[in-house]
Amino acid sequence: MLQAVLFWLFLLRVQSSVPPVFVQKGKDVLLDVNNVPEDFTIFVWKLEKENSILVTFYPGGNSKISKAYTGRIDHPDNKKYSVILKNLQETDSRVYTGRLTTDDGDSTLVQHNIIVQDVVSPVQLEVNSVSNSSHSCNVTLTCSTADSHISSTFRCIDQKCDQDGGNQSEITNSSSTLQVYLLDVTVICKHRNQVSSTEDRTDIQHACSQPFVDKQPRKHDKIWIAVGVFVSFVAVGILGAYFYRKRNADHGVIQDNTVYAVPVVETPESQAASPDTDETSGLSPVCTYSEVGPHSGPSAAAETKDKPVIESVYAQVQKHPGP
């Protein structure tokens, strides 16, 4: 930023003796000359303070364009020794000199002080704060561009508005001018240079009548936002669990109602005490499984007359008592 400002100050100081011609970046400029005599040796367009030649003219109308400016130099139809420098960039901001050489020596015929500027960036006027009372209104606004800004306060009392400190302006980092001022009841924010201008406006009384909304989130606002997000996640989790359990209940769960008795291991003492031991087989049962079925009351007995009953039969696993 500082280097850009110093460059423009140096450029203006060097070129102060020659009136400036401001040209928009990307445009063309005419380097015009009218008083070239017929009996000259050469006529050149060159950069002042530099040993750099753009184009050289010879008697008879012949010319030679330097390699650095090939494709950027054009000749106007009605100007014999004038040239058009095309597609100007900010580095083309120089003093261009038309210099004549004759048998009597060298002389400067014309100079053009060319300053190239880019179009200014858009500007924005934003309300920062509004303070209302029964008879007055104070409004603070900021006029800003991409690289600069100005804040100013305006006070309105009984339909009459004033700007604290009067009109305010400053030079931006791009050497343009940023200005904020009051015109009747209208605040104007303007960004301009010598080749372009842009502005933004607002009615100060309209700003006073509108409820002010601070666009910057405060600390407690951020806390409430975080709490709201957390509560939303918890609610989603609870609803998800509820619908999951409801879906399982609607579809039902298939369960096996068969109950098996606990296996019983018989000992020799229990075999002697039991009168139903099968002595002819020589084997004694070790584990017995039984099925607990539905209640066989009168209604159940009646149903069995018409419908077959599916029975589950489980074999007894017996262990040989040994010798």
Protein backbone atom coordinates (compact mmCIF):
# COMPACT_ATOMS: atom_id res chain seq x y z
CA MET A 1 0.00 0.00 0.00
CA LEU A 2 2.73 2.49 1.02
CA GLN A 3 4.77 1.67 -2.07
CA ALA A 4 1.79 2.40 -4.34
CA VAL A 5 1.22 5.80 -2.70
CA LEU A 6 4.91 6.71 -2.94
CA PHE A 7 4.97 5.69 -6.59
CA TRP A 8 2.05 7.98 -7.44
CA LEU A 9 3.55 10.88 -5.46
CA PHE A 10 6.86 10.45 -7.25
CA LEU A 11 5.13 10.22 -10.62
CA LEU A 12 3.11 13.38 -10.05
CA ARG A 13 6.19 15.27 -8.83
CA VAL A 14 8.23 14.29 -11.91
CA GLN A 15 5.39 15.06 -14.30
CA SER A 16 4.17 18.24 -12.60
CA SER A 17 5.63 20.45 -15.33
CA VAL A 18 3.45 18.75 -17.98
CA PRO A 19 -0.36 18.79 -17.65
CA PRO A 20 -1.62 15.23 -17.07
CA VAL A 21 -3.89 13.29 -19.40
CA PHE A 22 -5.81 10.58 -17.56
CA VAL A 23 -6.63 7.43 -19.51
CA GLN A 24 -8.64 4.42 -18.40
CA LYS A 25 -6.76 1.14 -18.16
CA GLY A 26 -7.16 -0.94 -21.33
CA LYS A 27 -8.01 2.07 -23.51
CA ASP A 28 -5.92 3.76 -26.24
CA VAL A 29 -4.32 7.21 -26.31
CA LEU A 30 -3.31 9.49 -29.17
CA LEU A 31 0.22 10.90 -29.04
CA ASP A 32 -0.37 13.88 -31.26
CA VAL A 33 2.12 16.19 -32.98
CA ASN A 34 1.42 18.88 -35.61
CA ASN A 35 4.51 20.99 -36.28
CA VAL A 36 7.02 18.55 -37.78
CA PRO A 37 8.98 20.34 -40.56
CA GLU A 38 9.69 18.70 -43.90
CA ASP A 39 13.48 18.99 -43.73
CA PHE A 40 14.29 16.76 -40.74
CA THR A 41 16.65 13.91 -40.24
CA ILE A 42 14.56 11.74 -37.87
CA PHE A 43 11.58 12.19 -35.60
CA VAL A 44 11.10 9.85 -32.62
CA TRP A 45 8.55 9.17 -29.93
CA LYS A 46 10.36 8.25 -26.73
CA LEU A 47 9.89 8.01 -23.00
CA GLU A 48 11.10 11.05 -21.11
CA LYS A 49 13.92 10.35 -18.63
CA GLU A 50 14.48 6.96 -20.22
CA ASN A 51 16.47 5.85 -23.22
CA SER A 52 13.48 3.97 -24.66
CA ILE A 53 12.12 4.71 -28.15
CA LEU A 54 8.61 3.73 -29.23
CA VAL A 55 8.77 4.55 -32.93
CA THR A 56 11.15 6.34 -35.34
CA PHE A 57 10.02 8.32 -38.42
CA TYR A 58 12.22 9.03 -41.40
CA PRO A 59 11.79 11.58 -44.22
CA GLY A 60 9.38 10.33 -46.87
CA GLY A 61 6.97 8.78 -44.32
CA ASN A 62 8.85 5.59 -43.46
CA SER A 63 8.78 4.45 -39.83
CA LYS A 64 10.20 1.78 -37.56
CA ILE A 65 8.46 0.53 -34.43
CA SER A 66 10.67 -0.76 -31.60
CA LYS A 67 10.42 -4.41 -30.66
CA ALA A 68 9.01 -3.64 -27.19
CA TYR A 69 5.99 -1.87 -28.74
CA THR A 70 5.30 -4.12 -31.71
CA GLY A 71 1.54 -4.62 -31.98
CA ARG A 72 0.80 -1.69 -29.69
CA ILE A 73 1.55 1.22 -32.04
CA ASP A 74 -0.91 2.34 -34.72
CA HIS A 75 -0.93 5.29 -37.12
CA PRO A 76 -4.02 7.51 -37.43
CA ASP A 77 -5.22 8.12 -40.95
CA ASN A 78 -5.07 11.92 -40.89
CA LYS A 79 -1.95 12.41 -38.74
CA LYS A 80 1.36 11.80 -40.46
CA TYR A 81 3.69 11.62 -37.44
CA SER A 82 1.17 11.07 -34.66
CA VAL A 83 0.73 7.59 -33.19
CA ILE A 84 -1.86 5.68 -31.17
CA LEU A 85 -0.59 3.73 -28.16
CA LYS A 86 -3.03 0.87 -27.54
CA ASN A 87 -4.16 -1.16 -24.53
CA LEU A 88 -2.65 1.06 -21.86
CA GLN A 89 -1.67 -0.44 -18.51
CA GLU A 90 -0.77 1.32 -15.28
CA THR A 91 2.94 0.82 -16.03
CA ASP A 92 2.43 2.96 -19.15
CA SER A 93 1.99 6.06 -16.95
CA ARG A 94 4.87 8.13 -18.34
CA VAL A 95 5.77 11.38 -20.09
CA TYR A 96 5.96 10.69 -23.83
CA THR A 97 8.16 13.09 -25.82
CA GLY A 98 8.14 13.84 -29.53
CA ARG A 99 11.77 14.74 -30.33
CA LEU A 100 13.07 16.11 -33.65
CA THR A 101 16.58 15.85 -35.06
CA THR A 102 17.70 18.20 -37.86
CA ASP A 103 20.96 19.53 -39.22
CA ASP A 104 20.78 22.21 -36.54
CA GLY A 105 20.51 19.73 -33.66
CA ASP A 106 17.85 18.13 -31.46
CA SER A 107 14.68 19.75 -30.12
CA THR A 108 11.55 18.71 -28.27
CA LEU A 109 8.37 19.42 -30.17
CA VAL A 110 5.70 18.03 -27.82
CA GLN A 111 5.21 16.14 -24.56
CA HIS A 112 2.23 14.13 -23.28
CA ASN A 113 1.95 13.31 -19.58
CA ILE A 114 -0.13 10.09 -19.59
CA ILE A 115 -1.53 8.73 -16.31
CA VAL A 116 -3.35 5.40 -16.56
CA GLN A 117 -6.02 4.55 -13.99
CA ASP A 118 -8.21 1.52 -13.50
CA VAL A 119 -11.95 1.92 -12.85
CA VAL A 120 -12.80 2.29 -9.16
CA SER A 121 -14.22 -0.61 -7.19
CA PRO A 122 -17.89 -0.65 -6.08
CA VAL A 123 -18.82 1.25 -2.92
CA GLN A 124 -21.25 0.34 -0.13
CA LEU A 125 -23.02 2.49 2.46
CA GLU A 126 -24.05 0.56 5.58
CA VAL A 127 -25.90 1.61 8.75
CA ASN A 128 -23.89 0.76 11.89
CA SER A 129 -26.11 2.15 14.64
CA VAL A 130 -29.31 4.15 15.19
CA SER A 131 -30.18 6.06 18.35
CA ASN A 132 -33.69 7.56 18.54
CA SER A 133 -35.26 9.88 21.08
CA SER A 134 -38.48 11.89 21.17
CA HIS A 135 -37.02 14.80 19.18
CA SER A 136 -33.75 13.61 17.58
CA CYS A 137 -32.07 10.74 15.79
CA ASN A 138 -28.39 9.82 15.55
CA VAL A 139 -27.24 7.49 12.80
CA THR A 140 -23.71 6.18 12.23
CA LEU A 141 -22.91 4.89 8.74
CA THR A 142 -19.83 3.42 7.10
CA CYS A 143 -18.86 4.19 3.52
CA SER A 144 -16.52 1.43 2.32
CA THR A 145 -14.71 0.04 -0.72
CA ALA A 146 -12.56 -3.03 -1.18
CA ASP A 147 -9.56 -1.44 0.57
CA SER A 148 -10.80 1.64 2.48
CA HIS A 149 -13.67 2.90 4.61
CA ILE A 150 -14.99 6.02 6.34
CA SER A 151 -17.39 6.07 9.31
CA SER A 152 -19.49 9.18 9.92
CA THR A 153 -22.31 10.16 12.28
CA PHE A 154 -25.41 12.13 11.24
CA ARG A 155 -27.88 13.88 13.55
CA CYS A 156 -31.44 14.82 12.63
CA ILE A 157 -33.55 17.24 14.72
CA ASP A 158 -36.99 18.40 13.55
CA GLN A 159 -36.50 17.24 9.94
CA LYS A 160 -33.10 18.96 9.73
CA CYS A 161 -29.99 16.78 9.47
CA ASP A 162 -26.29 17.57 9.94
CA GLN A 163 -23.06 15.60 9.58
CA ASP A 164 -20.62 15.58 12.47
CA GLY A 165 -17.37 17.10 11.24
CA GLY A 166 -18.81 17.99 7.84
CA ASN A 167 -17.91 16.25 4.58
CA GLN A 168 -15.28 13.53 4.98
CA SER A 169 -12.93 12.13 2.37
CA GLU A 170 -9.66 10.23 2.09
CA ILE A 171 -7.28 8.86 -0.52
CA THR A 172 -7.60 5.09 -0.89
CA ASN A 173 -4.84 2.54 -1.34
CA SER A 174 -5.46 2.65 -5.11
CA SER A 175 -4.99 6.45 -5.21
CA SER A 176 -8.70 7.09 -5.73
CA THR A 177 -10.89 9.29 -3.53
CA LEU A 178 -13.49 7.96 -1.09
CA GLN A 179 -15.98 10.54 0.14
CA VAL A 180 -19.11 10.56 2.34
CA TYR A 181 -21.30 13.65 2.64
CA LEU A 182 -24.86 14.84 3.27
CA LEU A 183 -27.09 16.38 0.60
CA ASP A 184 -30.30 17.64 2.23
CA VAL A 185 -31.50 14.40 3.90
CA THR A 186 -29.56 12.02 1.64
CA VAL A 187 -26.22 10.49 2.65
CA ILE A 188 -23.97 9.91 -0.37
CA CYS A 189 -20.98 7.59 -0.39
CA LYS A 190 -18.85 8.19 -3.48
CA HIS A 191 -15.74 6.47 -4.83
CA ARG A 192 -14.06 8.15 -7.79
CA ASN A 193 -10.91 8.85 -9.70
CA GLN A 194 -10.20 10.75 -12.92
CA VAL A 195 -11.66 8.11 -15.23
CA SER A 196 -14.60 6.56 -13.32
CA SER A 197 -16.98 7.05 -10.42
CA THR A 198 -19.46 4.97 -8.39
CA GLU A 199 -21.71 5.81 -5.44
CA ASP A 200 -24.28 4.52 -2.96
CA ARG A 201 -27.05 6.56 -1.29
CA THR A 202 -29.49 6.30 1.60
CA ASP A 203 -32.19 8.53 3.06
CA ILE A 204 -31.15 9.45 6.60
CA GLN A 205 -34.75 9.96 7.76
CA HIS A 206 -35.70 6.56 6.41
CA ALA A 207 -32.85 5.03 8.41
CA CYS A 208 -34.16 6.79 11.53
CA SER A 209 -37.68 5.43 11.06
CA GLN A 210 -36.59 1.81 10.56
CA PRO A 211 -35.88 -0.52 13.51
CA PHE A 212 -32.16 -1.11 13.68
CA VAL A 213 -30.97 -4.70 13.49
CA ASP A 214 -27.38 -5.38 14.48
CA LYS A 215 -26.00 -7.77 11.87
CA GLN A 216 -23.06 -8.79 14.05
CA PRO A 217 -23.87 -11.83 16.25
CA ARG A 218 -23.39 -11.15 19.95
CA LYS A 219 -21.79 -13.56 22.43
CA HIS A 220 -25.06 -14.61 24.09
CA ASP A 221 -26.64 -15.10 20.64
CA LYS A 222 -23.93 -17.63 19.79
CA ILE A 223 -24.63 -19.48 23.07
CA TRP A 224 -28.36 -19.74 22.32
CA ILE A 225 -27.60 -20.96 18.81
CA ALA A 226 -25.38 -23.73 20.25
CA VAL A 227 -28.09 -24.72 22.77
CA GLY A 228 -30.69 -24.85 20.00
CA VAL A 229 -28.50 -27.15 17.89
CA PHE A 230 -27.91 -29.48 20.87
CA VAL A 231 -31.64 -29.67 21.71
CA SER A 232 -32.42 -30.44 18.07
CA PHE A 233 -29.99 -33.37 18.05
CA VAL A 234 -31.47 -34.76 21.30
CA ALA A 235 -35.02 -34.46 19.95
CA VAL A 236 -34.07 -36.26 16.74
CA GLY A 237 -32.49 -39.09 18.77
CA ILE A 238 -35.58 -39.53 20.97
CA LEU A 239 -37.95 -39.55 18.00
CA GLY A 240 -35.73 -42.06 16.20
CA ALA A 241 -35.78 -44.45 19.20
CA TYR A 242 -39.55 -44.07 19.56
CA PHE A 243 -40.34 -44.88 15.92
CA TYR A 244 -37.88 -47.80 15.95
CA ARG A 245 -39.63 -49.43 18.91
CA LYS A 246 -43.07 -48.67 17.44
CA ARG A 247 -42.15 -50.34 14.15
CA ASN A 248 -41.04 -53.52 15.98
CA ALA A 249 -44.29 -53.55 17.97
CA ASP A 250 -46.40 -53.17 14.81
CA HIS A 251 -44.67 -56.08 13.03
CA GLY A 252 -44.76 -58.36 16.09
CA VAL A 253 -42.04 -60.69 17.42
CA ILE A 254 -42.25 -64.51 16.87
CA GLN A 255 -41.44 -66.36 20.06
CA ASP A 256 -41.22 -70.03 20.89
CA ASN A 257 -43.70 -70.94 23.70
CA THR A 258 -42.34 -74.43 24.24
CA VAL A 259 -40.91 -74.85 27.75
CA TYR A 260 -38.54 -77.64 28.48
CA ALA A 261 -38.13 -79.23 31.90
CA VAL A 262 -34.79 -79.13 33.60
CA PRO A 263 -32.86 -82.34 32.92
CA VAL A 264 -32.68 -84.63 35.94
CA VAL A 265 -29.73 -86.95 36.50
CA GLU A 266 -30.74 -90.10 38.40
CA THR A 267 -28.43 -91.73 40.97
CA PRO A 268 -28.49 -95.35 42.20
CA GLU A 269 -30.26 -94.19 45.36
CA SER A 270 -33.04 -92.52 43.36
CA GLN A 271 -33.41 -95.64 41.21
CA ALA A 272 -33.90 -97.84 44.29
CA ALA A 273 -36.52 -95.49 45.65
CA SER A 274 -38.48 -95.37 42.40
CA PRO A 275 -41.00 -98.27 41.94
CA ASP A 276 -41.29 -97.65 38.19
CA THR A 277 -37.73 -98.59 37.29
CA ASP A 278 -37.64 -100.82 34.21
CA GLU A 279 -35.61 -103.76 35.47
CA THR A 280 -36.04 -105.86 32.32
CA SER A 281 -34.17 -103.39 30.15
CA GLY A 282 -31.21 -103.09 32.44
CA LEU A 283 -31.05 -99.39 31.64
CA SER A 284 -32.11 -96.45 33.74
CA PRO A 285 -33.10 -93.05 32.33
CA VAL A 286 -30.61 -90.27 32.94
CA CYS A 287 -32.32 -87.18 31.41
CA THR A 288 -36.00 -86.68 30.88
CA TYR A 289 -37.48 -83.93 28.67
CA SER A 290 -41.17 -83.07 28.73
CA GLU A 291 -43.24 -80.49 26.91
CA VAL A 292 -45.57 -78.12 28.68
CA GLY A 293 -48.60 -77.79 26.42
CA PRO A 294 -51.71 -75.66 26.49
CA HIS A 295 -54.42 -76.22 29.12
CA SER A 296 -56.58 -79.28 28.21
CA GLY A 297 -59.91 -78.23 29.70
CA PRO A 298 -63.35 -79.13 28.37
CA SER A 299 -63.19 -76.64 25.54
CA ALA A 300 -59.83 -77.92 24.47
CA ALA A 301 -61.12 -81.52 24.57
CA ALA A 302 -64.03 -80.59 22.37
CA GLU A 303 -61.77 -79.01 19.79
CA THR A 304 -59.61 -82.11 19.57
CA LYS A 305 -62.54 -84.13 18.24
CA ASP A 306 -62.54 -82.20 14.96
CA LYS A 307 -58.92 -81.10 14.61
CA PRO A 308 -55.83 -83.23 14.77
CA VAL A 309 -53.52 -82.50 17.62
CA ILE A 310 -49.85 -82.06 16.83
CA GLU A 311 -47.88 -83.66 19.55
CA SER A 312 -44.23 -83.29 20.32
CA VAL A 313 -42.54 -86.46 21.45
CA TYR A 314 -39.15 -86.40 22.96
CA ALA A 315 -37.18 -89.61 23.46
CA GLN A 316 -35.72 -90.42 26.83
CA VAL A 317 -31.96 -90.54 26.89
CA GLN A 318 -30.88 -93.40 29.16
CA LYS A 319 -27.52 -94.26 30.54
CA HIS A 320 -26.39 -97.83 31.07
CA PRO A 321 -25.88 -98.45 34.79
CA GLY A 322 -22.74 -100.44 34.11
CA PRO A 323 -21.84 -103.87 35.53
